[in-house]
Protein backbone atom coordinates (compact mmCIF):
# COMPACT_ATOMS: atom_id res chain seq x y z
CA MET A 1 141.49 -130.41 -96.08
CA PRO A 2 144.22 -130.60 -99.22
CA ILE A 3 145.33 -127.41 -99.86
CA PRO A 4 144.89 -125.77 -103.65
CA THR A 5 148.51 -126.48 -105.55
CA PRO A 6 148.22 -123.00 -107.32
CA TYR A 7 147.27 -121.27 -103.76
CA LEU A 8 150.25 -122.71 -102.60
CA HIS A 9 152.07 -121.38 -105.56
CA SER A 10 151.19 -117.63 -105.32
CA SER A 11 150.88 -117.40 -101.85
CA LEU A 12 154.56 -118.87 -101.93
CA HIS A 13 155.51 -116.16 -104.45
CA LYS A 14 154.06 -113.01 -102.53
CA MET A 15 155.39 -114.11 -99.50
CA LYS A 16 159.13 -114.38 -100.67
CA ALA A 17 158.48 -110.72 -102.21
CA ILE A 18 157.02 -109.56 -99.00
CA ALA A 19 159.92 -110.78 -96.54
CA GLY A 20 162.77 -109.86 -98.96
CA THR A 21 164.25 -113.16 -97.60
CA THR A 22 167.20 -115.19 -100.33
CA THR A 23 167.23 -117.69 -98.87
CA MET A 24 168.28 -120.03 -101.60
CA ALA A 25 171.57 -118.02 -101.92
CA LEU A 26 171.93 -119.28 -97.86
CA ALA A 27 171.34 -122.78 -99.06
CA ASP A 28 173.54 -125.69 -97.09
CA GLU A 29 174.78 -126.68 -100.29
CA GLU A 30 176.06 -123.60 -101.42
CA ARG A 31 177.65 -122.65 -98.13
CA GLY A 32 179.63 -125.68 -98.93
CA TYR A 33 178.32 -127.77 -96.35
CA ASN A 34 177.86 -131.39 -97.21
CA GLY A 35 176.36 -134.97 -95.92
CA LYS A 36 173.39 -136.86 -95.84
CA ILE A 37 170.58 -138.34 -93.14
CA THR A 38 172.77 -140.83 -91.80
CA CYS A 39 171.51 -144.44 -89.46
CA ILE A 40 172.97 -142.55 -86.49
CA VAL A 41 170.99 -139.04 -86.92
CA ILE A 42 168.36 -141.09 -87.59
CA LEU A 43 167.93 -143.09 -84.74
CA SER A 44 169.48 -140.56 -82.14
CA CYS A 45 166.42 -138.30 -83.56
CA MET A 46 163.93 -140.90 -82.70
CA VAL A 47 165.09 -141.54 -79.36
CA ALA A 48 165.63 -137.86 -78.38
CA ALA A 49 161.82 -136.73 -80.23
CA THR A 50 159.95 -139.21 -77.36
CA GLY A 51 160.08 -136.66 -75.27
CA GLY A 52 157.49 -135.25 -77.65
CA ILE A 53 155.73 -138.27 -76.36
CA ILE A 54 155.58 -138.03 -73.04
CA TYR A 55 154.41 -134.68 -73.84
CA GLY A 56 151.66 -135.87 -75.88
CA TYR A 57 150.69 -137.91 -73.81
CA ASP A 58 150.02 -135.77 -70.72
CA ILE A 59 147.68 -133.68 -72.75
CA GLY A 60 145.95 -136.24 -74.14
CA ILE A 61 145.53 -138.23 -70.92
CA SER A 62 144.45 -134.97 -68.77
CA GLY A 63 140.90 -134.38 -70.77
CA GLY A 64 139.75 -138.19 -70.62
CA VAL A 65 141.05 -138.79 -66.95
CA THR A 66 138.95 -136.04 -65.47
CA SER A 67 135.57 -136.91 -67.64
CA MET A 68 135.85 -140.12 -65.51
CA VAL A 69 133.27 -141.11 -63.23
CA PRO A 70 135.68 -142.35 -60.43
CA PHE A 71 138.52 -140.54 -60.65
CA LEU A 72 135.67 -137.36 -60.26
CA GLU A 73 134.20 -138.93 -57.64
CA LYS A 74 137.15 -139.99 -55.87
CA PHE A 75 139.47 -136.53 -56.20
CA PHE A 76 136.51 -133.68 -57.60
CA PRO A 77 132.85 -134.98 -55.62
CA LYS A 78 131.44 -131.54 -55.90
CA VAL A 79 132.40 -131.29 -59.66
CA TYR A 80 130.43 -135.11 -59.71
CA LEU A 81 127.68 -134.00 -57.83
CA LYS A 82 127.13 -130.71 -59.65
CA MET A 83 127.57 -133.04 -62.78
CA LYS A 84 124.78 -135.30 -62.18
CA GLN A 85 122.38 -133.51 -59.87
CA ASP A 86 121.90 -130.23 -60.57
CA SER A 87 119.56 -129.87 -63.49
CA ASN A 88 119.09 -126.28 -63.69
CA ILE A 89 123.13 -125.80 -64.30
CA SER A 90 124.02 -124.41 -68.00
CA ASN A 91 125.23 -127.14 -70.06
CA TYR A 92 128.39 -124.67 -70.91
CA CYS A 93 128.94 -124.70 -66.70
CA LYS A 94 129.21 -128.25 -65.97
CA PHE A 95 132.91 -128.56 -65.41
CA ASP A 96 133.72 -125.32 -64.00
CA SER A 97 136.05 -125.62 -61.13
CA GLN A 98 138.98 -124.25 -60.28
CA LEU A 99 140.39 -127.31 -58.46
CA LEU A 100 139.53 -129.37 -61.70
CA THR A 101 141.63 -126.65 -63.60
CA THR A 102 144.43 -127.06 -61.18
CA PHE A 103 145.06 -130.52 -61.58
CA THR A 104 145.16 -129.68 -65.45
CA SER A 105 147.43 -126.31 -65.48
CA SER A 106 149.80 -127.56 -61.91
CA LEU A 107 151.75 -129.40 -64.54
CA TYR A 108 152.84 -126.08 -66.38
CA ILE A 109 153.70 -123.57 -63.55
CA ALA A 110 156.20 -126.48 -63.07
CA GLY A 111 157.56 -126.39 -66.41
CA LEU A 112 157.27 -122.95 -66.65
CA VAL A 113 160.19 -122.99 -63.75
CA ALA A 114 161.90 -126.11 -64.59
CA SER A 115 162.34 -124.62 -67.97
CA PHE A 116 164.52 -121.69 -66.88
CA PHE A 117 167.10 -124.39 -64.82
CA ALA A 118 166.72 -126.26 -67.93
CA SER A 119 168.50 -124.12 -69.58
CA SER A 120 171.97 -123.45 -67.31
CA VAL A 121 171.68 -127.77 -67.13
CA THR A 122 171.61 -127.41 -71.49
CA ARG A 123 174.38 -124.86 -71.57
CA THR A 124 176.12 -125.82 -69.11
CA PHE A 125 176.29 -130.12 -69.67
CA GLY A 126 174.89 -130.42 -73.34
CA ARG A 127 171.54 -131.27 -74.77
CA LYS A 128 171.85 -135.38 -73.58
CA PRO A 129 171.58 -134.48 -69.59
CA SER A 130 169.15 -132.34 -69.86
CA ILE A 131 167.04 -134.96 -71.80
CA LEU A 132 168.00 -137.80 -69.11
CA THR A 133 166.72 -135.30 -66.51
CA GLY A 134 163.56 -134.46 -68.03
CA GLY A 135 162.83 -138.37 -68.72
CA ALA A 136 164.07 -139.42 -65.01
CA ALA A 137 161.59 -136.39 -63.84
CA PHE A 138 158.65 -137.83 -65.82
CA LEU A 139 158.90 -141.10 -64.58
CA ILE A 140 158.58 -140.30 -60.84
CA GLY A 141 155.52 -138.09 -61.60
CA ALA A 142 154.08 -141.15 -63.20
CA ALA A 143 154.38 -143.46 -60.43
CA LEU A 144 153.11 -140.60 -57.99
CA GLY A 145 149.95 -139.99 -60.14
CA GLY A 146 149.34 -143.89 -60.77
CA ALA A 147 149.47 -144.48 -56.87
CA ALA A 148 147.92 -141.37 -56.03
CA LEU A 149 145.72 -141.98 -52.76
CA ASN A 150 144.72 -138.03 -52.43
CA ILE A 151 144.77 -135.13 -54.04
CA TYR A 152 147.87 -133.65 -52.33
CA MET A 153 149.87 -136.82 -54.21
CA LEU A 154 148.26 -135.93 -57.44
CA ILE A 155 149.01 -132.93 -58.14
CA LEU A 156 153.06 -133.83 -56.77
CA GLY A 157 152.83 -136.13 -59.57
CA ARG A 158 151.75 -133.54 -61.95
CA VAL A 159 154.51 -131.16 -60.73
CA MET A 160 156.94 -134.23 -61.66
CA LEU A 161 155.83 -134.48 -64.84
CA GLY A 162 156.04 -130.76 -65.46
CA VAL A 163 159.64 -130.79 -63.97
CA GLY A 164 159.79 -133.36 -66.51
CA ILE A 165 157.75 -131.82 -69.78
CA GLY A 166 160.16 -128.68 -68.89
CA PHE A 167 163.19 -130.18 -69.34
CA ALA A 168 162.33 -132.48 -72.31
CA ASN A 169 160.41 -129.57 -74.40
CA GLN A 170 163.71 -127.14 -73.99
CA SER A 171 166.38 -129.76 -75.23
CA VAL A 172 164.99 -132.20 -77.50
CA PRO A 173 164.16 -129.46 -80.51
CA LEU A 174 167.45 -128.12 -80.00
CA TYR A 175 168.68 -131.52 -80.41
CA LEU A 176 167.00 -132.25 -83.33
CA SER A 177 167.97 -129.15 -84.73
CA GLU A 178 171.47 -129.19 -84.13
CA MET A 179 172.01 -133.03 -85.24
CA ALA A 180 170.03 -132.69 -88.65
CA PRO A 181 171.64 -131.61 -91.73
CA PRO A 182 170.45 -128.03 -92.72
CA ARG A 183 168.31 -129.64 -95.78
CA TYR A 184 165.91 -131.94 -93.69
CA ARG A 185 166.11 -129.64 -90.65
CA GLY A 186 162.17 -128.98 -90.94
CA ALA A 187 161.43 -132.59 -91.60
CA ILE A 188 163.62 -134.38 -88.58
CA ASN A 189 162.66 -131.47 -85.69
CA ILE A 190 158.75 -131.79 -86.93
CA GLY A 191 159.15 -135.67 -85.60
CA PHE A 192 158.28 -134.24 -81.86
CA GLN A 193 155.35 -132.60 -83.07
CA LEU A 194 155.06 -136.55 -84.81
CA CYS A 195 155.72 -137.83 -81.37
CA VAL A 196 153.19 -135.18 -79.61
CA GLY A 197 150.85 -136.49 -81.84
CA ILE A 198 151.11 -139.92 -81.28
CA GLY A 199 151.22 -139.56 -77.28
CA VAL A 200 148.01 -137.75 -77.62
CA LEU A 201 146.61 -140.95 -79.51
CA SER A 202 148.57 -143.30 -77.38
CA ALA A 203 146.57 -141.88 -74.30
CA ASN A 204 143.07 -141.50 -75.62
CA LEU A 205 143.30 -144.63 -76.53
CA THR A 206 144.62 -146.22 -73.49
CA ASN A 207 141.91 -143.59 -71.71
CA PHE A 208 138.89 -145.44 -74.02
CA GLY A 209 140.33 -149.04 -73.11
CA THR A 210 140.64 -148.04 -68.85
CA GLU A 211 136.80 -146.56 -69.01
CA LYS A 212 135.38 -149.58 -69.39
CA ILE A 213 137.34 -150.94 -66.15
CA LYS A 214 134.19 -151.81 -64.08
CA ASP A 215 136.00 -151.79 -60.70
CA GLY A 216 136.58 -148.02 -61.00
CA TRP A 217 140.83 -147.82 -61.26
CA GLY A 218 140.95 -147.38 -64.74
CA TRP A 219 142.50 -143.88 -64.07
CA ARG A 220 145.34 -145.48 -62.14
CA ILE A 221 146.57 -147.58 -65.18
CA SER A 222 145.84 -144.54 -67.57
CA LEU A 223 148.34 -142.15 -65.55
CA ALA A 224 150.77 -145.09 -64.49
CA MET A 225 151.38 -145.77 -68.17
CA ALA A 226 153.04 -142.49 -68.96
CA ALA A 227 155.84 -144.60 -67.37
CA VAL A 228 156.36 -145.84 -70.64
CA PRO A 229 157.52 -143.62 -72.61
CA ALA A 230 159.21 -141.81 -69.90
CA SER A 231 161.27 -144.79 -69.20
CA MET A 232 162.05 -145.44 -73.07
CA LEU A 233 163.38 -141.82 -73.07
CA THR A 234 165.57 -142.16 -69.62
CA LEU A 235 167.15 -145.39 -71.38
CA GLY A 236 167.50 -143.90 -74.54
CA SER A 237 169.27 -141.01 -73.55
CA LEU A 238 171.89 -142.74 -72.06
CA PHE A 239 172.85 -143.93 -75.37
CA LEU A 240 172.44 -140.51 -77.50
CA PRO A 241 175.49 -139.06 -78.33
CA GLU A 242 175.77 -134.96 -77.85
CA THR A 243 175.50 -132.67 -80.84
CA PRO A 244 178.93 -131.15 -82.30
CA ASN A 245 177.64 -128.16 -81.60
CA SER A 246 177.60 -128.79 -77.58
CA ILE A 247 181.07 -130.80 -78.02
CA ILE A 248 182.43 -127.55 -78.98
CA GLN A 249 180.48 -125.22 -76.61
CA HIS A 250 181.80 -127.22 -73.74
CA SER A 251 184.62 -129.07 -74.01
CA ARG A 252 186.15 -126.88 -77.08
CA ASP A 253 187.63 -129.87 -78.54
CA HIS A 254 187.48 -129.27 -82.17
CA HIS A 255 189.01 -132.83 -83.08
CA LYS A 256 186.46 -134.68 -81.23
CA ALA A 257 183.45 -131.98 -83.00
CA LYS A 258 185.10 -133.17 -86.25
CA GLN A 259 184.69 -136.78 -86.09
CA MET A 260 181.14 -136.18 -84.80
CA LEU A 261 180.21 -134.37 -87.84
CA GLN A 262 181.86 -136.73 -89.62
CA ARG A 263 179.65 -139.65 -88.19
CA ILE A 264 175.99 -137.54 -88.56
CA ARG A 265 176.76 -136.64 -91.75
CA GLY A 266 178.15 -139.70 -93.65
CA THR A 267 181.26 -137.88 -95.24
CA ASN A 268 184.80 -136.57 -94.31
CA ASP A 269 184.19 -133.44 -95.83
CA VAL A 270 182.69 -131.22 -93.25
CA GLU A 271 185.14 -128.48 -92.95
CA GLN A 272 182.90 -125.70 -94.19
CA GLU A 273 179.89 -126.63 -91.31
CA LEU A 274 183.02 -127.01 -88.65
CA GLU A 275 184.55 -123.76 -89.21
CA ASP A 276 181.10 -121.96 -88.79
CA LEU A 277 180.29 -124.05 -85.57
CA VAL A 278 183.58 -122.87 -83.95
CA GLU A 279 182.99 -119.47 -85.05
CA ALA A 280 179.92 -119.68 -83.36
CA SER A 281 181.14 -121.03 -80.07
CA HIS A 282 183.65 -118.69 -79.81
CA ILE A 283 180.73 -115.98 -79.91
CA SER A 284 178.96 -118.08 -77.88
CA ASN A 285 181.91 -118.55 -74.55
CA SER A 286 182.03 -115.04 -74.55
CA ILE A 287 178.84 -114.18 -73.42
CA LYS A 288 178.69 -114.37 -69.54
CA HIS A 289 174.90 -113.68 -69.18
CA PRO A 290 173.10 -114.89 -72.31
CA PHE A 291 169.50 -113.97 -70.49
CA LYS A 292 170.86 -110.82 -70.17
CA ASN A 293 172.39 -110.81 -73.76
CA ILE A 294 169.23 -111.38 -75.50
CA LEU A 295 167.61 -108.43 -74.94
CA HIS A 296 170.62 -106.00 -76.91
CA ARG A 297 169.18 -104.89 -80.11
CA LYS A 298 170.69 -107.04 -82.61
CA TYR A 299 168.64 -109.77 -80.87
CA ARG A 300 165.44 -108.36 -80.95
CA PRO A 301 163.94 -109.82 -84.10
CA GLN A 302 164.80 -113.49 -82.42
CA LEU A 303 163.42 -112.40 -78.85
CA VAL A 304 160.25 -111.12 -80.25
CA MET A 305 159.59 -114.84 -81.94
CA ALA A 306 160.88 -116.38 -78.85
CA ILE A 307 157.46 -114.67 -76.72
CA ALA A 308 154.86 -114.73 -79.82
CA ILE A 309 155.33 -117.87 -81.60
CA PRO A 310 154.66 -119.83 -78.49
CA PHE A 311 152.48 -117.24 -77.22
CA PHE A 312 150.68 -117.36 -80.71
CA GLN A 313 150.65 -121.49 -80.69
CA GLN A 314 148.56 -121.64 -77.42
CA PHE A 315 146.08 -118.81 -78.74
CA THR A 316 145.22 -120.99 -81.36
CA GLY A 317 142.72 -122.89 -78.92
CA ILE A 318 144.30 -125.98 -79.63
CA ASN A 319 144.14 -126.54 -75.89
CA VAL A 320 140.39 -126.34 -75.83
CA ILE A 321 140.26 -129.12 -78.59
CA SER A 322 143.75 -131.67 -76.53
CA PHE A 323 142.95 -130.99 -72.72
CA TYR A 324 138.57 -131.01 -73.00
CA ALA A 325 138.13 -132.55 -75.97
CA PRO A 326 135.73 -135.13 -74.05
CA ILE A 327 134.47 -133.28 -72.22
CA LEU A 328 133.06 -131.03 -75.00
CA PHE A 329 131.79 -133.91 -76.71
CA LEU A 330 129.79 -134.82 -73.55
CA THR A 331 128.23 -131.07 -73.77
CA ILE A 332 127.15 -131.28 -76.85
CA GLY A 333 125.29 -134.56 -75.89
CA LEU A 334 127.62 -137.57 -76.73
CA GLY A 335 128.08 -140.55 -74.15
CA GLU A 336 130.78 -140.88 -72.11
CA SER A 337 132.35 -143.83 -74.12
CA ALA A 338 131.69 -142.21 -77.26
CA SER A 339 133.45 -139.11 -76.20
CA LEU A 340 136.77 -140.89 -74.99
CA LEU A 341 136.71 -142.76 -78.19
CA LEU A 342 135.63 -139.73 -80.88
CA SER A 343 138.07 -137.73 -78.53
CA ALA A 344 141.41 -140.47 -79.62
CA ILE A 345 139.89 -140.34 -83.46
CA VAL A 346 139.95 -136.33 -83.19
CA THR A 347 143.49 -135.54 -81.48
CA GLY A 348 145.01 -138.82 -82.50
CA VAL A 349 144.90 -140.05 -86.19
CA VAL A 350 143.92 -136.81 -87.66
CA GLY A 351 146.46 -134.47 -85.65
CA THR A 352 149.50 -137.09 -86.22
CA THR A 353 148.25 -138.08 -89.88
CA SER A 354 148.49 -133.95 -91.07
CA THR A 355 151.56 -133.74 -88.75
CA PHE A 356 153.37 -136.25 -91.32
CA ILE A 357 152.31 -134.32 -94.00
CA SER A 358 153.91 -131.36 -92.88
CA MET A 359 156.58 -133.43 -92.50
CA LEU A 360 156.62 -134.01 -96.12
CA MET A 361 156.61 -130.15 -96.91
CA VAL A 362 158.21 -128.40 -94.75
CA ASP A 363 161.56 -128.37 -96.37
CA LYS A 364 159.74 -127.60 -99.76
CA LEU A 365 156.95 -125.28 -99.50
CA GLY A 366 158.76 -123.56 -96.77
CA ARG A 367 157.53 -123.24 -93.10
CA ARG A 368 155.77 -119.28 -94.11
CA VAL A 369 153.16 -121.19 -96.23
CA LEU A 370 152.14 -124.07 -93.94
CA PHE A 371 151.54 -121.02 -91.08
CA ILE A 372 149.46 -119.03 -93.48
CA SER A 373 147.59 -121.80 -95.08
CA GLY A 374 146.88 -123.75 -91.37
CA GLY A 375 146.06 -120.17 -90.08
CA ILE A 376 142.76 -119.76 -92.32
CA GLN A 377 141.77 -123.30 -92.36
CA MET A 378 141.57 -123.00 -87.99
CA PHE A 379 140.46 -119.89 -88.23
CA LEU A 380 136.88 -120.86 -90.83
CA SER A 381 136.43 -124.18 -88.85
CA GLN A 382 136.04 -121.93 -85.43
CA VAL A 383 134.03 -119.33 -86.71
CA ILE A 384 131.67 -121.87 -87.98
CA VAL A 385 132.31 -124.37 -84.89
CA GLY A 386 131.09 -121.42 -82.54
CA SER A 387 128.31 -120.66 -85.10
CA ILE A 388 126.48 -123.71 -85.07
CA MET A 389 126.79 -124.53 -81.00
CA ALA A 390 125.69 -120.52 -80.79
CA THR A 391 122.24 -121.77 -82.44
CA GLN A 392 121.92 -124.90 -81.51
CA LEU A 393 123.18 -125.57 -77.91
CA GLY A 394 121.33 -123.55 -75.15
CA ASP A 395 122.25 -123.37 -71.80
CA HIS A 396 119.59 -126.67 -71.66
CA GLY A 397 119.15 -129.83 -73.21
CA GLU A 398 121.19 -131.16 -75.91
CA ILE A 399 122.44 -130.58 -79.61
CA SER A 400 120.88 -132.71 -82.33
CA LYS A 401 123.13 -135.77 -82.95
CA THR A 402 123.57 -134.55 -86.45
CA TYR A 403 124.96 -131.17 -85.47
CA ALA A 404 127.10 -132.90 -83.02
CA TYR A 405 129.02 -135.41 -86.01
CA LEU A 406 129.42 -132.13 -88.04
CA ILE A 407 131.10 -130.19 -84.94
CA LEU A 408 132.99 -133.88 -85.19
CA LEU A 409 133.89 -132.98 -88.85
CA LEU A 410 134.84 -129.75 -88.36
CA ILE A 411 136.77 -130.22 -85.10
CA CYS A 412 138.73 -132.97 -87.36
CA ILE A 413 139.35 -130.09 -89.75
CA TYR A 414 140.51 -127.29 -87.21
CA VAL A 415 143.20 -130.46 -85.75
CA ALA A 416 144.45 -130.94 -89.27
CA GLY A 417 144.93 -127.33 -89.89
CA PHE A 418 146.65 -127.18 -86.80
CA ALA A 419 149.07 -130.15 -86.86
CA TRP A 420 150.50 -129.03 -90.17
CA SER A 421 151.22 -125.47 -89.34
CA TRP A 422 151.50 -123.97 -85.56
CA GLY A 423 151.59 -127.24 -84.07
CA PRO A 424 154.95 -128.57 -85.23
CA LEU A 425 156.13 -125.30 -86.21
CA GLY A 426 155.71 -123.84 -83.07
CA TRP A 427 158.76 -125.86 -82.14
CA LEU A 428 160.28 -125.87 -85.07
CA VAL A 429 160.95 -122.10 -86.10
CA PRO A 430 162.23 -121.39 -82.60
CA SER A 431 164.29 -123.85 -82.90
CA GLU A 432 166.60 -122.62 -85.57
CA ILE A 433 166.63 -119.57 -85.10
CA PHE A 434 168.49 -119.06 -82.10
CA GLN A 435 172.65 -118.40 -82.67
CA MET A 436 174.98 -120.26 -80.55
CA GLU A 437 175.02 -117.59 -77.77
CA ILE A 438 171.87 -116.87 -76.90
CA ARG A 439 170.27 -120.39 -78.21
CA SER A 440 169.92 -122.21 -74.89
CA ALA A 441 168.59 -119.31 -73.50
CA ALA A 442 166.03 -118.27 -75.93
CA GLN A 443 164.62 -121.72 -76.22
CA SER A 444 164.11 -121.67 -72.36
CA ILE A 445 162.06 -118.17 -73.14
CA THR A 446 160.01 -120.13 -75.49
CA VAL A 447 159.51 -123.17 -73.63
CA ALA A 448 158.27 -120.69 -70.45
CA VAL A 449 156.02 -118.89 -72.88
CA ASN A 450 154.39 -121.22 -74.15
CA PHE A 451 154.32 -123.03 -70.55
CA LEU A 452 152.42 -119.84 -69.09
CA PHE A 453 149.96 -118.95 -71.41
CA THR A 454 149.05 -122.98 -70.87
CA PHE A 455 148.70 -122.44 -68.18
CA ILE A 456 146.50 -119.31 -67.97
CA VAL A 457 144.58 -121.04 -71.21
CA ALA A 458 144.28 -124.46 -68.86
CA GLN A 459 143.35 -122.15 -65.70
CA THR A 460 140.72 -120.02 -67.44
CA PHE A 461 139.15 -122.42 -69.88
CA LEU A 462 136.25 -124.13 -68.48
CA SER A 463 135.69 -120.65 -66.51
CA MET A 464 135.01 -119.25 -70.12
CA LEU A 465 133.70 -121.85 -71.31
CA CYS A 466 130.66 -121.23 -68.80
CA HIS A 467 130.60 -117.34 -69.42
CA PHE A 468 131.32 -117.11 -73.03
CA LYS A 469 129.26 -119.98 -74.32
CA SER A 470 129.90 -120.16 -77.78
CA GLY A 471 132.07 -117.08 -78.04
CA THR A 472 134.58 -119.01 -77.14
CA PHE A 473 135.71 -120.24 -80.22
CA PHE A 474 135.35 -116.46 -81.58
CA PHE A 475 137.63 -115.19 -79.47
CA PHE A 476 140.01 -118.00 -80.29
CA GLY A 477 139.39 -117.69 -83.92
CA GLY A 478 140.16 -113.67 -83.76
CA TRP A 479 143.58 -114.11 -82.00
CA VAL A 480 144.32 -117.10 -85.07
CA VAL A 481 143.45 -113.83 -87.52
CA VAL A 482 146.08 -111.82 -85.60
CA MET A 483 148.62 -114.59 -85.35
CA THR A 484 148.08 -115.12 -89.67
CA VAL A 485 149.06 -111.37 -90.13
CA PHE A 486 152.10 -111.50 -88.21
CA VAL A 487 153.74 -114.53 -89.66
CA TYR A 488 152.44 -112.88 -93.14
CA LEU A 489 154.22 -109.53 -92.24
CA LEU A 490 157.28 -110.38 -89.81
CA LEU A 491 158.57 -113.58 -89.82
CA PRO A 492 161.18 -114.30 -93.12
CA GLU A 493 161.69 -117.83 -94.59
CA THR A 494 164.18 -120.18 -92.68
CA ARG A 495 163.94 -123.07 -95.12
CA ASN A 496 167.52 -124.26 -95.89
CA VAL A 497 169.03 -121.92 -94.32
CA PRO A 498 172.26 -123.32 -92.00
CA ILE A 499 171.51 -122.83 -88.42
CA GLU A 500 174.54 -121.31 -87.54
CA GLN A 501 173.71 -119.00 -90.51
CA MET A 502 170.21 -117.73 -89.25
CA ASP A 503 171.05 -114.24 -88.45
CA ARG A 504 171.07 -112.70 -92.13
CA VAL A 505 167.68 -113.82 -93.08
CA TRP A 506 167.19 -110.87 -90.32
CA ARG A 507 169.37 -108.55 -91.82
CA GLU A 508 167.63 -108.87 -95.76
CA HIS A 509 163.94 -108.88 -94.30
CA PHE A 510 162.17 -105.46 -95.24
CA PHE A 511 161.18 -104.62 -91.42
CA TRP A 512 164.14 -106.66 -89.35
CA LYS A 513 166.99 -104.83 -91.33
CA ARG A 514 165.62 -101.72 -89.72
CA ILE A 515 166.50 -103.01 -86.45
CA VAL A 516 169.14 -105.02 -86.52
CA GLY A 517 170.91 -103.20 -89.75
CA GLU A 518 171.52 -104.82 -93.76
CA ILE A 519 174.48 -106.95 -94.24
């Protein structure tokens, strides 16, 4: 949905006023930072961003596989029998099974735990080993899932996938933000979310193809195909250069870090950026307990954002669509094959296209404009979908095809709004606002909170749908209002601010300067 230009201009003016930011004074060119987009940055970030593909592929594959009849018959026969034989069961309760949701959500508990181990690996050994570990663990999980003979093997595979995603989500956004030049950091980091969208699209198209295999083993192909992006990440990470920030933090070899800066920036004049990295490294190395240190008052804004942003990202309701889009379309009366195809279009093509639009706009319009405009778009579409389902879909029977396709259109609008706001920015903003001394710990908190509430939403959604029915959409719509107001009041603009100078935006914000002190 296009956003009117006058609205963006007026909103940007108001947001800057209320946030009290002076990011232009901190722009990288005014700090003496030099450099451009180089081939090594592009190639390195493309490889690292495939960590987003493994995450997106898993999100997309789960909902499709759990709507395949052979898969349900083998692992969840009670769900299948209830769906097919009990004609009196409510449309909203057909898939209400704790075992079924455990299959989906077990990954996120594993990812939550793994993210804290990933923090130690990232801080001690660097970003590259964490990315390699993530790819290898996901590869093992894909093999176990594709070869699963029973529910225990299936869930063990999900746990290994969770370990892989925990490591990848902790390290990849940091890697992208540290490799990117400040003025292009937003676009490059959103490459992670773009890859998530590509992963979702690939998964849904895979499900659409494998669902047609008559012998009933198509679900094995869907689960095993996760090994393709995992192999790309694992092998590619062997050739990734380490970030200059990580080199200084671990080896304290300033000359090596300077050489790497010159390579990735495409210029010999990197003294100002190197000076900032060295200063940040000195502070970082003086911190022995980063998880304890992040509780200090001066890091209060970053801690709030590390918790609030991933929490809000999950309570946009996007996983209602991503995990269960095929199930939603079955619920509103579309056939199994049509459900998988329409799910692929909604969560894949629309989402990926909108994320690409976000890449083009984020460093021009800023983060706040996209957050707020996307929030308004998501809220309106959720309220309308909830209203249609409340009035047109009862506990029994089917909704008319006209209303079913209207819901599809509204879900497209919703996914577009998420994909250029809370989708990419939910990963971008946390990865760029933390000082080096707390960066690894804070990113682990961000990933852990993300996984915790992804687990809660995934574990409770089918039961919530059964009890709240169409009210589920109003529930998440209410949270979208809360998070949009939160961003409007409490999140300063971070566009063009060098990552090692980010602490200044909090000291210039009308509210946070009372907590951390003015400059």
